[in-house]
């Protein structure tokens, strides 16, 4: 077989392997993101310190669309708890 053809075929195989590996990596990252989003929601709800029936009514309202959230604008120079947590997590990962 022609050397150029063989090289191209080998390059195709290597590239397909890299693509497959990256797709698996991306799948893992998406899964980790989803898990972290879920954890953030749980922390937020637990932070509300609701008791039994009050918590159930709140969750029912979320599912039914009757609960509304008001998001306040942060003033310049202030950072939210989430931003601080993200910075701390980034430092831990380094």
C-alpha atoms as a PDB file:
ATOM      1  CA  UNK A   1       0.000   0.000   0.000  1.00  0.00           C
ATOM      2  CA  UNK A   2       1.143   3.525  -0.725  1.00  0.00           C
ATOM      3  CA  UNK A   3       2.979   5.117   2.253  1.00  0.00           C
ATOM      4  CA  UNK A   4       0.931   8.324   2.031  1.00  0.00           C
ATOM      5  CA  UNK A   5      -2.329   6.397   2.092  1.00  0.00           C
ATOM      6  CA  UNK A   6      -1.151   4.370   5.089  1.00  0.00           C
ATOM      7  CA  UNK A   7      -0.138   7.558   6.934  1.00  0.00           C
ATOM      8  CA  UNK A   8      -3.507   9.177   6.221  1.00  0.00           C
ATOM      9  CA  UNK A   9      -5.313   6.077   7.449  1.00  0.00           C
ATOM     10  CA  UNK A  10      -3.230   6.024  10.632  1.00  0.00           C
ATOM     11  CA  UNK A  11      -3.871   9.727  11.158  1.00  0.00           C
ATOM     12  CA  UNK A  12      -7.606   9.156  10.710  1.00  0.00           C
ATOM     13  CA  UNK A  13      -7.540   6.374  13.304  1.00  0.00           C
ATOM     14  CA  UNK A  14      -5.645   8.541  15.805  1.00  0.00           C
ATOM     15  CA  UNK A  15      -7.999  11.459  15.243  1.00  0.00           C
ATOM     16  CA  UNK A  16     -11.088   9.286  15.644  1.00  0.00           C
ATOM     17  CA  UNK A  17      -9.650   7.926  18.908  1.00  0.00           C
ATOM     18  CA  UNK A  18      -9.005  11.458  20.177  1.00  0.00           C
ATOM     19  CA  UNK A  19     -12.548  12.482  19.235  1.00  0.00           C
ATOM     20  CA  UNK A  20     -13.958   9.480  21.078  1.00  0.00           C
ATOM     21  CA  UNK A  21     -11.878  10.258  24.172  1.00  0.00           C
ATOM     22  CA  UNK A  22     -12.938  13.911  24.107  1.00  0.00           C
ATOM     23  CA  UNK A  23     -16.594  12.944  23.747  1.00  0.00           C
ATOM     24  CA  UNK A  24     -16.298  10.749  26.842  1.00  0.00           C
ATOM     25  CA  UNK A  25     -14.539  13.574  28.692  1.00  0.00           C
ATOM     26  CA  UNK A  26     -17.264  16.041  27.677  1.00  0.00           C
ATOM     27  CA  UNK A  27     -19.936  13.613  28.861  1.00  0.00           C
ATOM     28  CA  UNK A  28     -18.208  13.417  32.249  1.00  0.00           C
ATOM     29  CA  UNK A  29     -17.942  17.191  32.519  1.00  0.00           C
ATOM     30  CA  UNK A  30     -21.628  17.629  31.679  1.00  0.00           C
ATOM     31  CA  UNK A  31     -22.514  15.047  34.305  1.00  0.00           C
ATOM     32  CA  UNK A  32     -20.375  16.837  36.906  1.00  0.00           C
ATOM     33  CA  UNK A  33     -22.000  20.165  35.996  1.00  0.00           C
ATOM     34  CA  UNK A  34     -25.480  18.704  36.392  1.00  0.00           C
ATOM     35  CA  UNK A  35     -24.521  17.230  39.772  1.00  0.00           C
ATOM     36  CA  UNK A  36     -23.110  20.563  40.957  1.00  0.00           C
ATOM     37  CA  UNK A  37     -26.258  22.404  39.808  1.00  0.00           C
ATOM     38  CA  UNK A  38     -28.373  19.905  41.745  1.00  0.00           C
ATOM     39  CA  UNK A  39     -26.194  20.357  44.830  1.00  0.00           C
ATOM     40  CA  UNK A  40     -26.527  24.131  44.542  1.00  0.00           C
ATOM     41  CA  UNK A  41     -30.320  23.862  44.430  1.00  0.00           C
ATOM     42  CA  UNK A  42     -30.316  21.595  47.475  1.00  0.00           C
ATOM     43  CA  UNK A  43     -28.067  24.015  49.392  1.00  0.00           C
ATOM     44  CA  UNK A  44     -30.329  26.922  48.459  1.00  0.00           C
ATOM     45  CA  UNK A  45     -33.487  25.142  49.600  1.00  0.00           C
ATOM     46  CA  UNK A  46     -31.882  23.906  52.821  1.00  0.00           C
ATOM     47  CA  UNK A  47     -30.642  27.418  53.473  1.00  0.00           C
ATOM     48  CA  UNK A  48     -34.247  28.606  53.564  1.00  0.00           C
ATOM     49  CA  UNK A  49     -34.698  26.724  56.850  1.00  0.00           C
ATOM     50  CA  UNK A  50     -38.283  25.684  56.104  1.00  0.00           C
ATOM     51  CA  UNK A  51     -40.038  23.139  58.288  1.00  0.00           C
ATOM     52  CA  UNK A  52     -42.048  20.057  57.192  1.00  0.00           C
ATOM     53  CA  UNK A  53     -45.328  21.186  55.683  1.00  0.00           C
ATOM     54  CA  UNK A  54     -43.961  24.618  54.814  1.00  0.00           C
ATOM     55  CA  UNK A  55     -41.214  22.964  52.739  1.00  0.00           C
ATOM     56  CA  UNK A  56     -43.729  20.693  50.999  1.00  0.00           C
ATOM     57  CA  UNK A  57     -45.933  23.662  50.065  1.00  0.00           C
ATOM     58  CA  UNK A  58     -42.896  25.499  48.738  1.00  0.00           C
ATOM     59  CA  UNK A  59     -41.819  22.523  46.595  1.00  0.00           C
ATOM     60  CA  UNK A  60     -45.385  22.047  45.323  1.00  0.00           C
ATOM     61  CA  UNK A  61     -45.436  25.726  44.406  1.00  0.00           C
ATOM     62  CA  UNK A  62     -42.192  25.313  42.486  1.00  0.00           C
ATOM     63  CA  UNK A  63     -43.563  22.359  40.552  1.00  0.00           C
ATOM     64  CA  UNK A  64     -46.854  24.127  39.915  1.00  0.00           C
ATOM     65  CA  UNK A  65     -45.251  27.375  38.871  1.00  0.00           C
ATOM     66  CA  UNK A  66     -46.923  29.445  41.579  1.00  0.00           C
ATOM     67  CA  UNK A  67     -43.689  30.409  43.354  1.00  0.00           C
ATOM     68  CA  UNK A  68     -41.856  33.454  42.052  1.00  0.00           C
ATOM     69  CA  UNK A  69     -38.315  34.496  42.747  1.00  0.00           C
ATOM     70  CA  UNK A  70     -37.092  38.039  42.915  1.00  0.00           C
ATOM     71  CA  UNK A  71     -33.457  38.430  42.016  1.00  0.00           C
ATOM     72  CA  UNK A  72     -31.820  41.526  43.424  1.00  0.00           C
ATOM     73  CA  UNK A  73     -29.038  43.324  41.652  1.00  0.00           C
ATOM     74  CA  UNK A  74     -25.725  43.317  43.514  1.00  0.00           C
ATOM     75  CA  UNK A  75     -23.976  46.610  43.888  1.00  0.00           C
ATOM     76  CA  UNK A  76     -20.589  47.015  42.282  1.00  0.00           C
ATOM     77  CA  UNK A  77     -17.786  45.654  44.396  1.00  0.00           C
ATOM     78  CA  UNK A  78     -19.977  43.124  46.187  1.00  0.00           C
ATOM     79  CA  UNK A  79     -19.847  39.475  45.346  1.00  0.00           C
ATOM     80  CA  UNK A  80     -22.439  36.861  46.134  1.00  0.00           C
ATOM     81  CA  UNK A  81     -21.840  33.820  48.328  1.00  0.00           C
ATOM     82  CA  UNK A  82     -21.886  31.678  45.201  1.00  0.00           C
ATOM     83  CA  UNK A  83     -19.137  33.771  43.584  1.00  0.00           C
ATOM     84  CA  UNK A  84     -17.033  33.463  46.744  1.00  0.00           C
ATOM     85  CA  UNK A  85     -17.619  29.699  46.837  1.00  0.00           C
ATOM     86  CA  UNK A  86     -16.655  29.427  43.154  1.00  0.00           C
ATOM     87  CA  UNK A  87     -13.408  31.323  43.769  1.00  0.00           C
ATOM     88  CA  UNK A  88     -12.618  29.114  46.767  1.00  0.00           C
ATOM     89  CA  UNK A  89     -13.362  25.973  44.750  1.00  0.00           C
ATOM     90  CA  UNK A  90     -11.130  27.214  41.929  1.00  0.00           C
ATOM     91  CA  UNK A  91      -8.279  27.741  44.399  1.00  0.00           C
ATOM     92  CA  UNK A  92      -8.761  24.239  45.789  1.00  0.00           C
ATOM     93  CA  UNK A  93      -8.591  22.730  42.290  1.00  0.00           C
ATOM     94  CA  UNK A  94      -5.239  24.409  41.541  1.00  0.00           C
END
